[in-house]
């Protein structure tokens, strides 16, 4: 019986099959790279705001504590966005004619709140509670980065599920004494590994429960 296909067809078939597998793997790799890139995570990208508020100036230069503006961060799920009144506590006296502050002055005079753009905006199906993290010794900069070095606020971490779980499965590496939660550039006086284990016990943190689905999805 004559051979229908030339022997080279076998080689072509093998190359085609393996080529397809490599192509699929390549597409998955590209997709993963894009998913982790700033295009998706927005890490390092400053968002437009009604006022170009500088955390670097207010925190680093003026020494203003996080809680002065984010008043509910220790007792609420939300850190809170400061009302115009908070800005005017200072700016009714200083820099009153600065063009950059015109939106703040207008908000104060009209009673219309400033429409800030959320920088850290988690999906609606994610439950996050600021107070729980603060009370358990997770520093602001662990999630938000060195805001005292940010002229414009931007995400320092991707805040993906993978990133959150990495901390939930090993929180000791990020824990600090409660009185140091709001300290920028904090460095522990003892080895962080030892301190973290000690704080896990002091705070009664049950690590084995932290990666349960209902912790973040309720």
N, C-alpha and C. Protein backbone atom coordinates (compact mmCIF):
# COMPACT_ATOMS: atom_id res chain seq x y z
N UNK A 1 0.86 -1.20 0.00
CA UNK A 1 0.00 0.00 0.00
C UNK A 1 0.89 1.25 0.00
N UNK A 2 0.67 2.12 -0.93
CA UNK A 2 1.53 3.31 -1.02
C UNK A 2 1.34 4.24 0.17
N UNK A 3 2.42 4.91 0.55
CA UNK A 3 2.36 5.86 1.68
C UNK A 3 1.67 7.13 1.22
N UNK A 4 0.62 7.53 1.96
CA UNK A 4 -0.18 8.69 1.55
C UNK A 4 0.56 9.99 1.85
N UNK A 5 1.12 10.09 3.06
CA UNK A 5 1.81 11.31 3.46
C UNK A 5 3.31 11.13 3.43
N UNK A 6 3.99 12.14 3.06
CA UNK A 6 5.45 12.12 3.06
C UNK A 6 5.95 12.03 4.49
N UNK A 7 7.13 11.42 4.67
CA UNK A 7 7.67 11.23 6.02
C UNK A 7 7.89 12.57 6.75
N UNK A 8 8.15 13.61 6.00
CA UNK A 8 8.37 14.93 6.62
C UNK A 8 7.13 15.44 7.37
N UNK A 9 5.97 14.84 7.03
CA UNK A 9 4.73 15.26 7.71
C UNK A 9 4.82 14.99 9.21
N UNK A 10 5.47 13.92 9.60
CA UNK A 10 5.63 13.62 11.04
C UNK A 10 6.40 14.72 11.75
N UNK A 11 7.46 15.16 11.12
CA UNK A 11 8.27 16.22 11.71
C UNK A 11 7.47 17.52 11.81
N UNK A 12 6.75 17.83 10.74
CA UNK A 12 5.93 19.04 10.74
C UNK A 12 4.88 18.98 11.84
N UNK A 13 4.28 17.79 12.02
CA UNK A 13 3.25 17.63 13.06
C UNK A 13 3.83 17.87 14.44
N UNK A 14 5.01 17.28 14.67
CA UNK A 14 5.64 17.45 15.98
C UNK A 14 5.97 18.92 16.23
N UNK A 15 6.55 19.57 15.23
CA UNK A 15 6.90 20.98 15.38
C UNK A 15 5.66 21.82 15.63
N UNK A 16 4.58 21.49 14.93
CA UNK A 16 3.34 22.25 15.09
C UNK A 16 2.77 22.09 16.50
N UNK A 17 2.77 20.86 17.01
CA UNK A 17 2.22 20.60 18.34
C UNK A 17 3.05 21.29 19.41
N UNK A 18 4.37 21.10 19.34
CA UNK A 18 5.23 21.74 20.35
C UNK A 18 5.21 23.26 20.21
N UNK A 19 5.14 23.72 18.98
CA UNK A 19 5.06 25.17 18.76
C UNK A 19 3.81 25.76 19.37
N UNK A 20 2.68 25.03 19.25
CA UNK A 20 1.43 25.50 19.83
C UNK A 20 1.52 25.55 21.35
N UNK A 21 2.16 24.52 21.93
CA UNK A 21 2.32 24.49 23.39
C UNK A 21 3.17 25.67 23.86
N UNK A 22 4.27 25.93 23.16
CA UNK A 22 5.13 27.05 23.53
C UNK A 22 4.41 28.38 23.34
N UNK A 23 3.59 28.46 22.31
CA UNK A 23 2.84 29.70 22.05
C UNK A 23 1.85 29.98 23.18
N UNK A 24 1.15 28.91 23.62
CA UNK A 24 0.20 29.07 24.73
C UNK A 24 0.93 29.47 26.01
N UNK A 25 2.06 28.78 26.27
CA UNK A 25 2.85 29.12 27.46
C UNK A 25 3.34 30.58 27.39
N UNK A 26 3.75 30.99 26.20
CA UNK A 26 4.22 32.37 26.02
C UNK A 26 3.11 33.38 26.26
N UNK A 27 1.92 33.08 25.76
CA UNK A 27 0.78 33.98 25.98
C UNK A 27 0.43 34.08 27.46
N UNK A 28 0.49 32.94 28.16
CA UNK A 28 0.21 32.95 29.60
C UNK A 28 1.27 33.78 30.34
N UNK A 29 2.53 33.64 29.93
CA UNK A 29 3.61 34.41 30.57
C UNK A 29 3.42 35.91 30.33
N UNK A 30 3.06 36.27 29.10
CA UNK A 30 2.82 37.69 28.79
C UNK A 30 1.65 38.23 29.61
N UNK A 31 0.59 37.41 29.71
CA UNK A 31 -0.57 37.82 30.51
C UNK A 31 -0.21 38.03 31.96
N UNK A 32 0.63 37.13 32.50
CA UNK A 32 1.05 37.25 33.90
C UNK A 32 1.89 38.50 34.11
N UNK A 33 2.78 38.79 33.15
CA UNK A 33 3.61 39.98 33.24
C UNK A 33 2.75 41.24 33.22
N UNK A 34 1.77 41.26 32.33
CA UNK A 34 0.88 42.43 32.25
C UNK A 34 0.06 42.57 33.53
N UNK A 35 -0.44 41.44 34.06
CA UNK A 35 -1.25 41.47 35.28
C UNK A 35 -0.47 42.02 36.46
N UNK A 36 0.85 41.77 36.49
CA UNK A 36 1.69 42.23 37.59
C UNK A 36 2.30 43.61 37.32
N UNK A 37 2.08 44.15 36.15
CA UNK A 37 2.71 45.41 35.77
C UNK A 37 1.92 46.60 36.32
N UNK A 38 2.55 47.78 36.38
CA UNK A 38 1.86 49.00 36.84
C UNK A 38 0.63 49.35 36.01
N UNK A 39 0.57 48.83 34.78
CA UNK A 39 -0.60 49.09 33.95
C UNK A 39 -1.86 48.59 34.64
N UNK A 40 -1.75 47.47 35.34
CA UNK A 40 -2.88 46.87 36.06
C UNK A 40 -2.88 47.25 37.54
N UNK A 41 -1.71 47.14 38.18
CA UNK A 41 -1.64 47.38 39.63
C UNK A 41 -1.59 48.86 39.99
N UNK A 42 -1.17 49.71 39.04
CA UNK A 42 -1.04 51.16 39.25
C UNK A 42 0.03 51.51 40.28
N UNK A 43 0.94 50.59 40.57
CA UNK A 43 2.03 50.86 41.50
C UNK A 43 2.96 51.93 40.91
N UNK A 44 3.25 52.96 41.70
CA UNK A 44 4.16 54.01 41.27
C UNK A 44 3.55 55.05 40.36
N UNK A 45 2.22 55.00 40.19
CA UNK A 45 1.55 55.95 39.30
C UNK A 45 0.71 56.91 40.13
N UNK A 46 1.00 58.19 40.05
CA UNK A 46 0.24 59.21 40.77
C UNK A 46 -1.08 59.47 40.06
N UNK A 47 -2.16 59.53 40.84
CA UNK A 47 -3.49 59.77 40.27
C UNK A 47 -3.80 61.27 40.30
N UNK A 48 -4.50 61.79 39.30
CA UNK A 48 -4.89 63.21 39.33
C UNK A 48 -5.80 63.50 40.53
N UNK A 49 -5.55 64.61 41.19
CA UNK A 49 -6.33 65.00 42.36
C UNK A 49 -6.79 66.46 42.21
N UNK A 50 -7.85 66.83 42.91
CA UNK A 50 -8.32 68.23 42.82
C UNK A 50 -7.29 69.21 43.37
N UNK A 51 -6.46 68.74 44.32
CA UNK A 51 -5.37 69.52 44.88
C UNK A 51 -4.13 68.63 44.89
N UNK A 52 -3.02 69.15 44.43
CA UNK A 52 -1.80 68.34 44.40
C UNK A 52 -1.17 68.30 45.80
N UNK A 53 -1.85 67.57 46.68
CA UNK A 53 -1.44 67.46 48.08
C UNK A 53 -0.16 66.64 48.21
N UNK A 54 0.80 67.17 48.95
CA UNK A 54 2.08 66.49 49.12
C UNK A 54 2.18 65.89 50.52
N UNK A 55 2.15 64.57 50.58
CA UNK A 55 2.39 63.90 51.86
C UNK A 55 3.82 64.14 52.33
N UNK A 56 4.75 64.21 51.38
CA UNK A 56 6.15 64.44 51.75
C UNK A 56 6.29 65.74 52.54
N UNK A 57 5.64 66.78 52.08
CA UNK A 57 5.73 68.08 52.77
C UNK A 57 5.03 68.05 54.13
N UNK A 58 3.81 67.54 54.15
CA UNK A 58 3.02 67.60 55.38
C UNK A 58 3.53 66.62 56.44
N UNK A 59 3.99 65.44 56.01
CA UNK A 59 4.46 64.44 56.97
C UNK A 59 5.92 64.67 57.33
N UNK A 60 6.76 64.82 56.32
CA UNK A 60 8.20 64.90 56.56
C UNK A 60 8.64 66.29 57.00
N UNK A 61 8.16 67.31 56.30
CA UNK A 61 8.59 68.68 56.63
C UNK A 61 7.86 69.24 57.84
N UNK A 62 6.54 69.03 57.87
CA UNK A 62 5.73 69.62 58.94
C UNK A 62 5.53 68.70 60.14
N UNK A 63 5.84 67.40 59.96
CA UNK A 63 5.72 66.46 61.07
C UNK A 63 4.29 66.16 61.49
N UNK A 64 3.35 66.24 60.56
CA UNK A 64 1.94 65.97 60.88
C UNK A 64 1.71 64.46 60.95
N UNK A 65 1.12 64.01 62.03
CA UNK A 65 0.82 62.60 62.25
C UNK A 65 -0.31 62.15 61.31
N UNK A 66 -0.23 60.89 60.86
CA UNK A 66 -1.26 60.34 59.96
C UNK A 66 -2.66 60.54 60.51
N UNK A 67 -2.79 60.39 61.84
CA UNK A 67 -4.12 60.41 62.47
C UNK A 67 -4.75 61.79 62.52
N UNK A 68 -3.97 62.83 62.26
CA UNK A 68 -4.54 64.17 62.26
C UNK A 68 -5.54 64.32 61.11
N UNK A 69 -5.21 63.70 59.97
CA UNK A 69 -6.12 63.76 58.81
C UNK A 69 -6.99 62.51 58.72
N UNK A 70 -6.38 61.36 58.97
CA UNK A 70 -7.11 60.08 58.87
C UNK A 70 -7.58 59.69 60.27
N UNK A 71 -8.60 60.37 60.71
CA UNK A 71 -9.00 60.34 62.13
C UNK A 71 -9.59 59.01 62.59
N UNK A 72 -10.14 58.22 61.68
CA UNK A 72 -10.84 57.00 62.10
C UNK A 72 -10.01 55.74 61.89
N UNK A 73 -8.74 55.88 61.53
CA UNK A 73 -7.94 54.72 61.15
C UNK A 73 -7.74 53.73 62.29
N UNK A 74 -7.79 54.18 63.55
CA UNK A 74 -7.55 53.29 64.68
C UNK A 74 -8.81 52.56 65.14
N UNK A 75 -9.97 52.99 64.69
CA UNK A 75 -11.20 52.42 65.23
C UNK A 75 -12.24 52.07 64.17
N UNK A 76 -11.89 52.22 62.92
CA UNK A 76 -12.86 51.97 61.86
C UNK A 76 -12.22 51.18 60.73
N UNK A 77 -13.07 50.59 59.90
CA UNK A 77 -12.56 49.88 58.73
C UNK A 77 -11.92 50.85 57.75
N UNK A 78 -12.37 52.10 57.78
CA UNK A 78 -11.87 53.10 56.84
C UNK A 78 -10.98 54.11 57.55
N UNK A 79 -9.91 54.51 56.87
CA UNK A 79 -9.00 55.50 57.47
C UNK A 79 -9.64 56.87 57.52
N UNK A 80 -10.53 57.15 56.58
CA UNK A 80 -11.22 58.44 56.55
C UNK A 80 -10.49 59.46 55.68
N UNK A 81 -11.26 60.18 54.90
CA UNK A 81 -10.73 61.28 54.09
C UNK A 81 -10.99 62.58 54.84
N UNK A 82 -9.98 63.40 55.07
CA UNK A 82 -10.19 64.61 55.87
C UNK A 82 -11.14 65.60 55.20
N UNK A 83 -12.05 66.19 55.95
CA UNK A 83 -12.92 67.23 55.39
C UNK A 83 -12.12 68.51 55.17
N UNK A 84 -12.70 69.43 54.43
CA UNK A 84 -12.02 70.70 54.14
C UNK A 84 -11.67 71.44 55.42
N UNK A 85 -12.49 71.28 56.47
CA UNK A 85 -12.22 71.94 57.74
C UNK A 85 -10.83 71.60 58.26
N UNK A 86 -10.42 70.33 58.08
CA UNK A 86 -9.10 69.92 58.55
C UNK A 86 -8.01 70.69 57.84
N UNK A 87 -8.16 70.87 56.54
CA UNK A 87 -7.18 71.65 55.78
C UNK A 87 -7.16 73.11 56.25
N UNK A 88 -8.35 73.64 56.51
CA UNK A 88 -8.46 75.05 56.85
C UNK A 88 -8.01 75.34 58.27
N UNK A 89 -7.85 74.31 59.10
CA UNK A 89 -7.31 74.55 60.44
C UNK A 89 -5.96 75.25 60.34
N UNK A 90 -5.21 74.91 59.30
CA UNK A 90 -3.91 75.57 59.07
C UNK A 90 -4.01 76.65 58.00
N UNK A 91 -4.69 76.30 56.91
CA UNK A 91 -4.63 77.17 55.74
C UNK A 91 -5.58 78.37 55.78
N UNK A 92 -6.30 78.52 56.86
CA UNK A 92 -7.01 79.80 57.06
C UNK A 92 -6.02 80.85 57.57
N UNK A 93 -4.82 80.37 57.97
CA UNK A 93 -3.80 81.27 58.51
C UNK A 93 -2.55 81.35 57.62
N UNK A 94 -2.22 80.27 56.94
CA UNK A 94 -1.00 80.27 56.14
C UNK A 94 -1.31 79.87 54.70
N UNK A 95 -0.53 80.45 53.78
CA UNK A 95 -0.67 80.19 52.34
C UNK A 95 -2.10 80.40 51.85
N UNK A 96 -2.76 81.39 52.41
CA UNK A 96 -4.18 81.63 52.08
C UNK A 96 -4.38 82.08 50.64
N UNK A 97 -3.37 82.68 50.03
CA UNK A 97 -3.50 83.17 48.65
C UNK A 97 -2.80 82.30 47.63
N UNK A 98 -2.32 81.14 48.05
CA UNK A 98 -1.60 80.26 47.12
C UNK A 98 -2.55 79.73 46.05
N UNK A 99 -2.19 79.87 44.78
CA UNK A 99 -3.07 79.37 43.70
C UNK A 99 -3.38 77.88 43.83
N UNK A 100 -2.40 77.12 44.34
CA UNK A 100 -2.60 75.67 44.47
C UNK A 100 -3.72 75.34 45.44
N UNK A 101 -4.03 76.26 46.36
CA UNK A 101 -5.05 76.01 47.37
C UNK A 101 -6.42 76.57 46.99
N UNK A 102 -6.54 77.11 45.79
CA UNK A 102 -7.82 77.70 45.35
C UNK A 102 -8.98 76.71 45.47
N UNK A 103 -8.82 75.43 45.08
CA UNK A 103 -9.93 74.48 45.24
C UNK A 103 -10.33 74.28 46.70
N UNK A 104 -9.35 74.31 47.61
CA UNK A 104 -9.64 74.15 49.04
C UNK A 104 -10.45 75.35 49.54
N UNK A 105 -10.03 76.55 49.16
CA UNK A 105 -10.74 77.76 49.58
C UNK A 105 -12.16 77.76 49.02
N UNK A 106 -12.29 77.35 47.74
CA UNK A 106 -13.62 77.29 47.13
C UNK A 106 -14.51 76.29 47.83
N UNK A 107 -13.94 75.15 48.20
CA UNK A 107 -14.71 74.14 48.93
C UNK A 107 -15.17 74.68 50.27
N UNK A 108 -14.31 75.40 50.95
CA UNK A 108 -14.64 75.98 52.25
C UNK A 108 -15.75 77.02 52.13
N UNK A 109 -15.69 77.83 51.09
CA UNK A 109 -16.67 78.91 50.92
C UNK A 109 -18.02 78.41 50.45
N UNK A 110 -18.03 77.36 49.62
CA UNK A 110 -19.28 76.86 49.06
C UNK A 110 -19.88 75.71 49.86
N UNK A 111 -19.05 75.06 50.68
CA UNK A 111 -19.54 73.90 51.42
C UNK A 111 -19.54 72.63 50.61
N UNK A 112 -19.05 72.70 49.36
CA UNK A 112 -18.97 71.51 48.52
C UNK A 112 -17.67 70.76 48.82
N UNK A 113 -17.75 69.50 49.20
CA UNK A 113 -16.52 68.76 49.54
C UNK A 113 -15.63 68.53 48.32
N UNK A 114 -14.35 68.46 48.56
CA UNK A 114 -13.41 68.12 47.49
C UNK A 114 -13.61 66.66 47.07
N UNK A 115 -13.55 66.42 45.78
CA UNK A 115 -13.74 65.07 45.25
C UNK A 115 -12.38 64.42 45.00
N UNK A 116 -11.84 63.81 46.06
CA UNK A 116 -10.55 63.17 45.95
C UNK A 116 -10.66 61.86 45.17
N UNK A 117 -9.61 61.50 44.46
CA UNK A 117 -9.54 60.24 43.73
C UNK A 117 -8.88 59.20 44.61
N UNK A 118 -9.56 58.08 44.82
CA UNK A 118 -8.99 57.03 45.66
C UNK A 118 -7.75 56.45 45.00
N UNK A 119 -6.68 56.34 45.76
CA UNK A 119 -5.44 55.74 45.27
C UNK A 119 -5.42 54.26 45.59
N UNK A 120 -5.85 53.90 46.79
CA UNK A 120 -5.90 52.50 47.21
C UNK A 120 -7.37 52.07 47.20
N UNK A 121 -7.80 51.58 46.06
CA UNK A 121 -9.22 51.24 45.87
C UNK A 121 -9.35 49.75 45.62
N UNK A 122 -9.64 49.01 46.68
CA UNK A 122 -9.78 47.56 46.55
C UNK A 122 -11.12 47.21 45.90
N UNK A 123 -11.19 46.03 45.32
CA UNK A 123 -12.44 45.56 44.71
C UNK A 123 -13.53 45.46 45.76
N UNK A 124 -14.76 45.59 45.32
CA UNK A 124 -15.90 45.58 46.25
C UNK A 124 -16.03 44.26 47.00
N UNK A 125 -15.51 43.18 46.42
CA UNK A 125 -15.66 41.88 47.09
C UNK A 125 -14.55 41.63 48.12
N UNK A 126 -13.69 42.61 48.32
CA UNK A 126 -12.62 42.48 49.30
C UNK A 126 -12.95 43.30 50.54
N UNK A 127 -12.92 42.66 51.70
CA UNK A 127 -13.17 43.35 52.96
C UNK A 127 -11.83 43.65 53.62
N UNK A 128 -11.59 44.90 53.89
CA UNK A 128 -10.36 45.31 54.56
C UNK A 128 -10.70 46.24 55.71
N UNK A 129 -10.12 45.98 56.86
CA UNK A 129 -10.39 46.79 58.04
C UNK A 129 -9.08 47.41 58.54
N UNK A 130 -8.99 48.75 58.45
CA UNK A 130 -7.78 49.43 58.90
C UNK A 130 -7.52 49.20 60.39
N UNK A 131 -8.57 49.31 61.20
CA UNK A 131 -8.37 49.26 62.65
C UNK A 131 -7.78 47.93 63.10
N UNK A 132 -8.18 46.83 62.47
CA UNK A 132 -7.66 45.52 62.85
C UNK A 132 -6.15 45.46 62.60
N UNK A 133 -5.73 45.98 61.47
CA UNK A 133 -4.31 45.97 61.14
C UNK A 133 -3.52 46.89 62.06
N UNK A 134 -4.07 48.07 62.35
CA UNK A 134 -3.38 49.01 63.24
C UNK A 134 -3.24 48.42 64.63
N UNK A 135 -4.33 47.86 65.15
CA UNK A 135 -4.30 47.32 66.51
C UNK A 135 -3.41 46.08 66.63
N UNK A 136 -3.12 45.46 65.49
CA UNK A 136 -2.24 44.29 65.51
C UNK A 136 -0.83 44.61 65.05
N UNK A 137 -0.49 45.90 65.04
CA UNK A 137 0.89 46.29 64.84
C UNK A 137 1.40 46.29 63.41
N UNK A 138 0.51 46.44 62.45
CA UNK A 138 0.95 46.56 61.05
C UNK A 138 1.13 48.05 60.74
N UNK A 139 2.34 48.44 60.41
CA UNK A 139 2.63 49.86 60.17
C UNK A 139 2.01 50.38 58.89
N UNK A 140 1.73 51.66 58.88
CA UNK A 140 1.16 52.29 57.68
C UNK A 140 2.03 52.04 56.45
N UNK A 141 3.35 52.15 56.63
CA UNK A 141 4.24 52.04 55.48
C UNK A 141 4.32 50.62 54.94
N UNK A 142 3.87 49.62 55.71
CA UNK A 142 3.88 48.25 55.21
C UNK A 142 3.03 48.13 53.96
N UNK A 143 1.89 48.81 53.96
CA UNK A 143 0.99 48.76 52.81
C UNK A 143 1.11 50.00 51.92
N UNK A 144 1.30 51.15 52.54
CA UNK A 144 1.27 52.41 51.79
C UNK A 144 2.64 52.93 51.40
N UNK A 145 3.70 52.27 51.88
CA UNK A 145 5.03 52.73 51.54
C UNK A 145 5.43 53.98 52.32
N UNK A 146 6.56 54.55 51.96
CA UNK A 146 7.07 55.73 52.64
C UNK A 146 6.34 56.97 52.12
N UNK A 147 5.15 57.19 52.65
CA UNK A 147 4.36 58.35 52.20
C UNK A 147 5.06 59.66 52.55
N UNK A 148 5.97 59.61 53.53
CA UNK A 148 6.70 60.82 53.88
C UNK A 148 7.74 61.18 52.82
N UNK A 149 7.87 60.35 51.79
CA UNK A 149 8.78 60.63 50.69
C UNK A 149 8.04 60.74 49.36
N UNK A 150 6.71 60.89 49.43
CA UNK A 150 5.90 60.97 48.21
C UNK A 150 5.36 62.39 48.01
N UNK A 151 5.91 63.12 47.03
CA UNK A 151 5.33 64.44 46.72
C UNK A 151 3.88 64.32 46.28
N UNK A 152 3.57 63.25 45.55
CA UNK A 152 2.20 62.94 45.17
C UNK A 152 1.91 61.50 45.58
N UNK A 153 0.72 61.28 46.13
CA UNK A 153 0.39 59.95 46.65
C UNK A 153 0.25 58.93 45.53
N UNK A 154 0.84 57.77 45.74
CA UNK A 154 0.74 56.69 44.77
C UNK A 154 0.84 55.35 45.50
N UNK A 155 0.41 54.30 44.84
CA UNK A 155 0.51 52.97 45.43
C UNK A 155 1.95 52.52 45.46
N UNK A 156 2.36 51.96 46.60
CA UNK A 156 3.71 51.43 46.74
C UNK A 156 3.71 49.92 46.59
N UNK A 157 2.57 49.28 46.80
CA UNK A 157 2.45 47.83 46.73
C UNK A 157 1.27 47.45 45.82
N UNK A 158 1.32 46.27 45.19
CA UNK A 158 0.26 45.90 44.26
C UNK A 158 -1.09 45.61 44.91
N UNK A 159 -1.06 45.17 46.17
CA UNK A 159 -2.27 44.83 46.91
C UNK A 159 -3.14 43.81 46.19
N UNK A 160 -2.46 42.87 45.55
CA UNK A 160 -3.15 41.74 44.95
C UNK A 160 -3.45 40.71 46.02
N UNK A 161 -4.25 39.71 45.68
CA UNK A 161 -4.56 38.64 46.62
C UNK A 161 -3.28 37.92 47.02
N UNK A 162 -2.39 37.69 46.07
CA UNK A 162 -1.12 37.03 46.34
C UNK A 162 -0.30 37.82 47.35
N UNK A 163 -0.27 39.14 47.17
CA UNK A 163 0.52 40.00 48.06
C UNK A 163 -0.05 39.99 49.48
N UNK A 164 -1.37 40.06 49.59
CA UNK A 164 -2.01 40.03 50.91
C UNK A 164 -1.78 38.70 51.61
N UNK A 165 -1.94 37.61 50.88
CA UNK A 165 -1.77 36.28 51.47
C UNK A 165 -0.33 36.05 51.92
N UNK A 166 0.62 36.64 51.22
CA UNK A 166 2.02 36.50 51.61
C UNK A 166 2.23 37.03 53.03
N UNK A 167 1.56 38.11 53.36
CA UNK A 167 1.65 38.68 54.72
C UNK A 167 0.80 37.89 55.70
N UNK A 168 -0.39 37.50 55.31
CA UNK A 168 -1.29 36.77 56.21
C UNK A 168 -0.70 35.43 56.63
N UNK A 169 0.09 34.82 55.75
CA UNK A 169 0.69 33.52 56.07
C UNK A 169 1.97 33.65 56.88
N UNK A 170 2.54 34.85 56.88
CA UNK A 170 3.75 35.09 57.67
C UNK A 170 3.76 36.55 58.15
N UNK A 171 2.82 36.89 59.03
CA UNK A 171 2.70 38.29 59.46
C UNK A 171 3.83 38.78 60.36
N UNK A 172 4.57 37.85 60.98
CA UNK A 172 5.60 38.24 61.94
C UNK A 172 6.61 39.21 61.35
N UNK A 173 6.90 39.05 60.07
CA UNK A 173 7.93 39.89 59.44
C UNK A 173 7.49 41.35 59.30
N UNK A 174 6.18 41.62 59.47
CA UNK A 174 5.68 42.99 59.30
C UNK A 174 5.14 43.61 60.58
N UNK A 175 5.20 42.89 61.68
CA UNK A 175 4.63 43.42 62.92
C UNK A 175 5.61 44.33 63.65
N UNK A 176 5.04 45.31 64.34
CA UNK A 176 5.83 46.24 65.14
C UNK A 176 5.03 46.63 66.37
N UNK A 177 5.64 47.21 67.38
CA UNK A 177 4.86 47.67 68.54
C UNK A 177 3.80 48.68 68.11
N UNK A 178 2.65 48.67 68.77
CA UNK A 178 1.56 49.55 68.37
C UNK A 178 1.96 51.01 68.35
N UNK A 179 2.83 51.40 69.29
CA UNK A 179 3.23 52.81 69.34
C UNK A 179 4.11 53.22 68.16
N UNK A 180 4.53 52.24 67.35
CA UNK A 180 5.38 52.53 66.20
C UNK A 180 4.64 52.37 64.87
N UNK A 181 3.34 52.08 64.93
CA UNK A 181 2.57 51.83 63.71
C UNK A 181 2.64 53.01 62.75
N UNK A 182 2.61 54.23 63.28
CA UNK A 182 2.56 55.42 62.43
C UNK A 182 3.94 56.03 62.18
N UNK A 183 4.98 55.34 62.62
CA UNK A 183 6.35 55.83 62.44
C UNK A 183 6.86 55.47 61.06
N UNK A 184 7.26 56.48 60.30
CA UNK A 184 7.84 56.23 58.99
C UNK A 184 9.32 55.88 59.15
N UNK A 185 9.78 54.89 58.38
CA UNK A 185 11.18 54.49 58.44
C UNK A 185 11.53 53.77 59.72
N UNK A 186 10.56 53.07 60.30
CA UNK A 186 10.78 52.36 61.56
C UNK A 186 11.80 51.24 61.41
N UNK A 187 12.72 51.14 62.37
CA UNK A 187 13.67 50.03 62.44
C UNK A 187 13.63 49.46 63.85
N UNK A 188 13.34 48.17 63.98
CA UNK A 188 13.24 47.56 65.33
C UNK A 188 14.58 47.54 66.04
N UNK A 189 14.53 47.64 67.36
CA UNK A 189 15.75 47.60 68.15
C UNK A 189 16.29 46.18 68.30
N UNK A 190 15.44 45.19 68.05
CA UNK A 190 15.87 43.80 68.11
C UNK A 190 15.60 43.15 66.77
N UNK A 191 16.08 41.92 66.59
CA UNK A 191 15.87 41.20 65.34
C UNK A 191 14.38 41.08 65.04
N UNK A 192 13.98 41.43 63.80
CA UNK A 192 12.57 41.44 63.43
C UNK A 192 11.93 40.06 63.57
N UNK A 193 12.68 39.02 63.26
CA UNK A 193 12.12 37.67 63.37
C UNK A 193 11.73 37.36 64.81
N UNK A 194 12.59 37.73 65.75
CA UNK A 194 12.30 37.49 67.17
C UNK A 194 11.17 38.40 67.64
N UNK A 195 11.22 39.66 67.23
CA UNK A 195 10.18 40.61 67.62
C UNK A 195 8.83 40.17 67.09
N UNK A 196 8.80 39.74 65.83
CA UNK A 196 7.54 39.32 65.23
C UNK A 196 6.90 38.16 65.95
N UNK A 197 7.69 37.17 66.31
CA UNK A 197 7.17 36.00 67.05
C UNK A 197 6.63 36.44 68.40
N UNK A 198 7.33 37.35 69.05
CA UNK A 198 6.88 37.85 70.35
C UNK A 198 5.57 38.61 70.23
N UNK A 199 5.45 39.44 69.20
CA UNK A 199 4.23 40.23 69.02
C UNK A 199 3.05 39.37 68.60
N UNK A 200 3.31 38.31 67.86
CA UNK A 200 2.23 37.38 67.51
C UNK A 200 1.58 36.85 68.78
N UNK A 201 2.39 36.52 69.76
CA UNK A 201 1.87 36.01 71.03
C UNK A 201 1.21 37.12 71.83
N UNK A 202 1.86 38.28 71.88
CA UNK A 202 1.31 39.40 72.66
C UNK A 202 -0.05 39.85 72.13
N UNK A 203 -0.19 39.87 70.81
CA UNK A 203 -1.44 40.34 70.20
C UNK A 203 -2.47 39.24 70.03
N UNK A 204 -2.09 38.00 70.31
CA UNK A 204 -3.02 36.88 70.18
C UNK A 204 -3.43 36.60 68.74
N UNK A 205 -2.49 36.76 67.83
CA UNK A 205 -2.80 36.55 66.41
C UNK A 205 -2.72 35.06 66.09
N UNK A 206 -3.79 34.51 65.54
CA UNK A 206 -3.86 33.11 65.15
C UNK A 206 -3.55 32.99 63.66
N UNK A 207 -2.29 32.76 63.35
CA UNK A 207 -1.83 32.77 61.96
C UNK A 207 -2.57 31.74 61.11
N UNK A 208 -2.88 30.58 61.69
CA UNK A 208 -3.51 29.50 60.92
C UNK A 208 -4.89 29.89 60.41
N UNK A 209 -5.49 30.94 60.94
CA UNK A 209 -6.83 31.38 60.50
C UNK A 209 -6.76 32.51 59.48
N UNK A 210 -5.60 33.10 59.29
CA UNK A 210 -5.51 34.32 58.50
C UNK A 210 -5.67 34.12 57.00
N UNK A 211 -5.54 32.86 56.53
CA UNK A 211 -5.76 32.66 55.10
C UNK A 211 -7.09 31.97 54.81
N UNK A 212 -8.00 31.98 55.81
CA UNK A 212 -9.36 31.51 55.55
C UNK A 212 -10.04 32.50 54.61
N UNK A 213 -10.84 31.99 53.70
CA UNK A 213 -11.49 32.84 52.70
C UNK A 213 -12.32 33.95 53.34
N UNK A 214 -13.04 33.63 54.43
CA UNK A 214 -13.98 34.60 55.00
C UNK A 214 -13.28 35.76 55.67
N UNK A 215 -11.97 35.67 55.89
CA UNK A 215 -11.25 36.79 56.50
C UNK A 215 -11.33 38.03 55.62
N UNK A 216 -11.21 37.83 54.30
CA UNK A 216 -11.22 38.96 53.38
C UNK A 216 -12.47 39.01 52.48
N UNK A 217 -13.17 37.91 52.39
CA UNK A 217 -14.36 37.86 51.52
C UNK A 217 -15.58 37.52 52.35
N UNK A 218 -16.40 38.54 52.63
CA UNK A 218 -17.56 38.34 53.50
C UNK A 218 -18.86 38.70 52.79
